[in-house]
Amino acid sequence: MSLSISNTKKSAKLSAESRKMISASRVAVTKAVKESKKMGLEITFLENGKIYKETPGGKRIILSKITAKPEQDSPVKLIKGMVLHAKF
């Protein structure tokens, strides 16, 4: 097996389908949060590296903080936009 890596730059533009999916997701999340609050349920979410629990009354409780993992040493350094080709 041989590996080769080429550095290519691709457009960061989203396709029309992706934009529609993101828009639909936002609408669904907004509706789900409103319905959960109406039913008196707590909501758990991630914001600024912290996991919060919000009560129906609006009180936010920090459940935990997310810390970044130390980077592991790797023989191959991959960066965004690289394409990995593998031949078997």
C-alpha atoms as a PDB file:
ATOM      1  CA  MET A   1       0.000   0.000   0.000  1.00  0.00           C
ATOM      2  CA  SER A   2       1.385   3.402  -0.910  1.00  0.00           C
ATOM      3  CA  LEU A   3       0.083   6.763   0.209  1.00  0.00           C
ATOM      4  CA  SER A   4       0.340  10.101  -1.484  1.00  0.00           C
ATOM      5  CA  ILE A   5      -0.987  13.442  -0.323  1.00  0.00           C
ATOM      6  CA  SER A   6      -1.816  16.362  -2.556  1.00  0.00           C
ATOM      7  CA  ASN A   7      -2.716  19.798  -1.314  1.00  0.00           C
ATOM      8  CA  THR A   8      -5.770  21.090  -3.167  1.00  0.00           C
ATOM      9  CA  LYS A   9      -7.920  24.070  -2.380  1.00  0.00           C
ATOM     10  CA  LYS A  10     -11.637  23.605  -2.735  1.00  0.00           C
ATOM     11  CA  SER A  11     -14.320  26.210  -2.559  1.00  0.00           C
ATOM     12  CA  ALA A  12     -15.836  26.660   0.885  1.00  0.00           C
ATOM     13  CA  LYS A  13     -19.208  27.505  -0.626  1.00  0.00           C
ATOM     14  CA  LEU A  14     -22.090  25.318   0.437  1.00  0.00           C
ATOM     15  CA  SER A  15     -24.340  23.693  -2.109  1.00  0.00           C
ATOM     16  CA  ALA A  16     -27.981  24.736  -2.349  1.00  0.00           C
ATOM     17  CA  GLU A  17     -28.988  21.403  -0.793  1.00  0.00           C
ATOM     18  CA  SER A  18     -26.663  21.958   2.174  1.00  0.00           C
ATOM     19  CA  ARG A  19     -28.027  25.463   2.752  1.00  0.00           C
ATOM     20  CA  LYS A  20     -31.591  24.131   2.691  1.00  0.00           C
ATOM     21  CA  MET A  21     -30.669  21.344   5.141  1.00  0.00           C
ATOM     22  CA  ILE A  22     -29.064  23.824   7.535  1.00  0.00           C
ATOM     23  CA  SER A  23     -32.087  26.120   7.312  1.00  0.00           C
ATOM     24  CA  ALA A  24     -34.504  23.241   7.955  1.00  0.00           C
ATOM     25  CA  SER A  25     -32.386  22.106  10.911  1.00  0.00           C
ATOM     26  CA  ARG A  26     -32.511  25.558  12.485  1.00  0.00           C
ATOM     27  CA  VAL A  27     -36.296  25.676  12.161  1.00  0.00           C
ATOM     28  CA  ALA A  28     -36.631  22.170  13.655  1.00  0.00           C
ATOM     29  CA  VAL A  29     -34.350  22.992  16.597  1.00  0.00           C
ATOM     30  CA  THR A  30     -36.215  26.228  17.329  1.00  0.00           C
ATOM     31  CA  LYS A  31     -39.561  24.415  17.332  1.00  0.00           C
ATOM     32  CA  ALA A  32     -38.207  21.571  19.493  1.00  0.00           C
ATOM     33  CA  VAL A  33     -36.839  23.992  22.095  1.00  0.00           C
ATOM     34  CA  LYS A  34     -40.138  25.920  22.252  1.00  0.00           C
ATOM     35  CA  GLU A  35     -42.173  22.719  22.611  1.00  0.00           C
ATOM     36  CA  SER A  36     -39.827  21.354  25.292  1.00  0.00           C
ATOM     37  CA  LYS A  37     -40.170  24.561  27.317  1.00  0.00           C
ATOM     38  CA  LYS A  38     -43.967  24.462  26.985  1.00  0.00           C
ATOM     39  CA  MET A  39     -43.959  20.882  28.320  1.00  0.00           C
ATOM     40  CA  GLY A  40     -41.726  21.850  31.243  1.00  0.00           C
ATOM     41  CA  LEU A  41     -38.682  19.854  30.101  1.00  0.00           C
ATOM     42  CA  GLU A  42     -35.057  20.785  30.626  1.00  0.00           C
ATOM     43  CA  ILE A  43     -32.848  21.506  27.622  1.00  0.00           C
ATOM     44  CA  THR A  44     -29.196  20.511  27.389  1.00  0.00           C
ATOM     45  CA  PHE A  45     -26.922  22.344  24.945  1.00  0.00           C
ATOM     46  CA  LEU A  46     -23.329  23.267  24.153  1.00  0.00           C
ATOM     47  CA  GLU A  47     -22.170  26.885  24.118  1.00  0.00           C
ATOM     48  CA  ASN A  48     -18.652  28.350  24.241  1.00  0.00           C
ATOM     49  CA  GLY A  49     -17.040  25.059  25.234  1.00  0.00           C
ATOM     50  CA  LYS A  50     -19.420  24.419  28.128  1.00  0.00           C
ATOM     51  CA  ILE A  51     -22.349  22.021  28.444  1.00  0.00           C
ATOM     52  CA  TYR A  52     -25.392  23.732  29.956  1.00  0.00           C
ATOM     53  CA  LYS A  53     -28.718  22.517  31.278  1.00  0.00           C
ATOM     54  CA  GLU A  54     -31.501  25.103  31.069  1.00  0.00           C
ATOM     55  CA  THR A  55     -34.609  24.753  33.161  1.00  0.00           C
ATOM     56  CA  PRO A  56     -38.040  25.751  31.818  1.00  0.00           C
ATOM     57  CA  GLY A  57     -37.780  28.887  33.970  1.00  0.00           C
ATOM     58  CA  GLY A  58     -34.631  29.980  32.107  1.00  0.00           C
ATOM     59  CA  LYS A  59     -32.037  29.135  34.781  1.00  0.00           C
ATOM     60  CA  ARG A  60     -28.767  27.880  33.244  1.00  0.00           C
ATOM     61  CA  ILE A  61     -26.619  25.325  35.050  1.00  0.00           C
ATOM     62  CA  ILE A  62     -23.110  24.424  33.814  1.00  0.00           C
ATOM     63  CA  LEU A  63     -22.814  20.631  33.688  1.00  0.00           C
ATOM     64  CA  SER A  64     -19.212  20.437  32.483  1.00  0.00           C
ATOM     65  CA  LYS A  65     -16.511  22.184  30.506  1.00  0.00           C
ATOM     66  CA  ILE A  66     -14.943  20.771  27.382  1.00  0.00           C
ATOM     67  CA  THR A  67     -11.177  20.903  27.270  1.00  0.00           C
ATOM     68  CA  ALA A  68      -9.102  20.492  24.147  1.00  0.00           C
ATOM     69  CA  LYS A  69      -7.172  17.247  23.852  1.00  0.00           C
ATOM     70  CA  PRO A  70      -3.416  17.587  23.383  1.00  0.00           C
ATOM     71  CA  GLU A  71      -2.394  16.906  19.814  1.00  0.00           C
ATOM     72  CA  GLN A  72      -0.800  13.544  19.209  1.00  0.00           C
ATOM     73  CA  ASP A  73       2.389  13.252  17.203  1.00  0.00           C
ATOM     74  CA  SER A  74       1.745  11.787  13.777  1.00  0.00           C
ATOM     75  CA  PRO A  75       4.204  10.895  11.025  1.00  0.00           C
ATOM     76  CA  VAL A  76       1.871  12.552   8.491  1.00  0.00           C
ATOM     77  CA  LYS A  77       0.724  16.104   9.024  1.00  0.00           C
ATOM     78  CA  LEU A  78      -2.704  16.626   7.462  1.00  0.00           C
ATOM     79  CA  ILE A  79      -4.218  20.042   6.942  1.00  0.00           C
ATOM     80  CA  LYS A  80      -7.591  21.177   5.674  1.00  0.00           C
ATOM     81  CA  GLY A  81      -7.890  20.831   1.928  1.00  0.00           C
ATOM     82  CA  MET A  82      -5.449  17.952   1.542  1.00  0.00           C
ATOM     83  CA  VAL A  83      -6.509  14.871  -0.395  1.00  0.00           C
ATOM     84  CA  LEU A  84      -5.260  11.457   0.667  1.00  0.00           C
ATOM     85  CA  HIS A  85      -4.760   8.882  -2.091  1.00  0.00           C
ATOM     86  CA  ALA A  86      -4.219   5.248  -1.055  1.00  0.00           C
ATOM     87  CA  LYS A  87      -3.260   2.418  -3.406  1.00  0.00           C
ATOM     88  CA  PHE A  88      -3.646  -1.173  -2.301  1.00  0.00           C
END
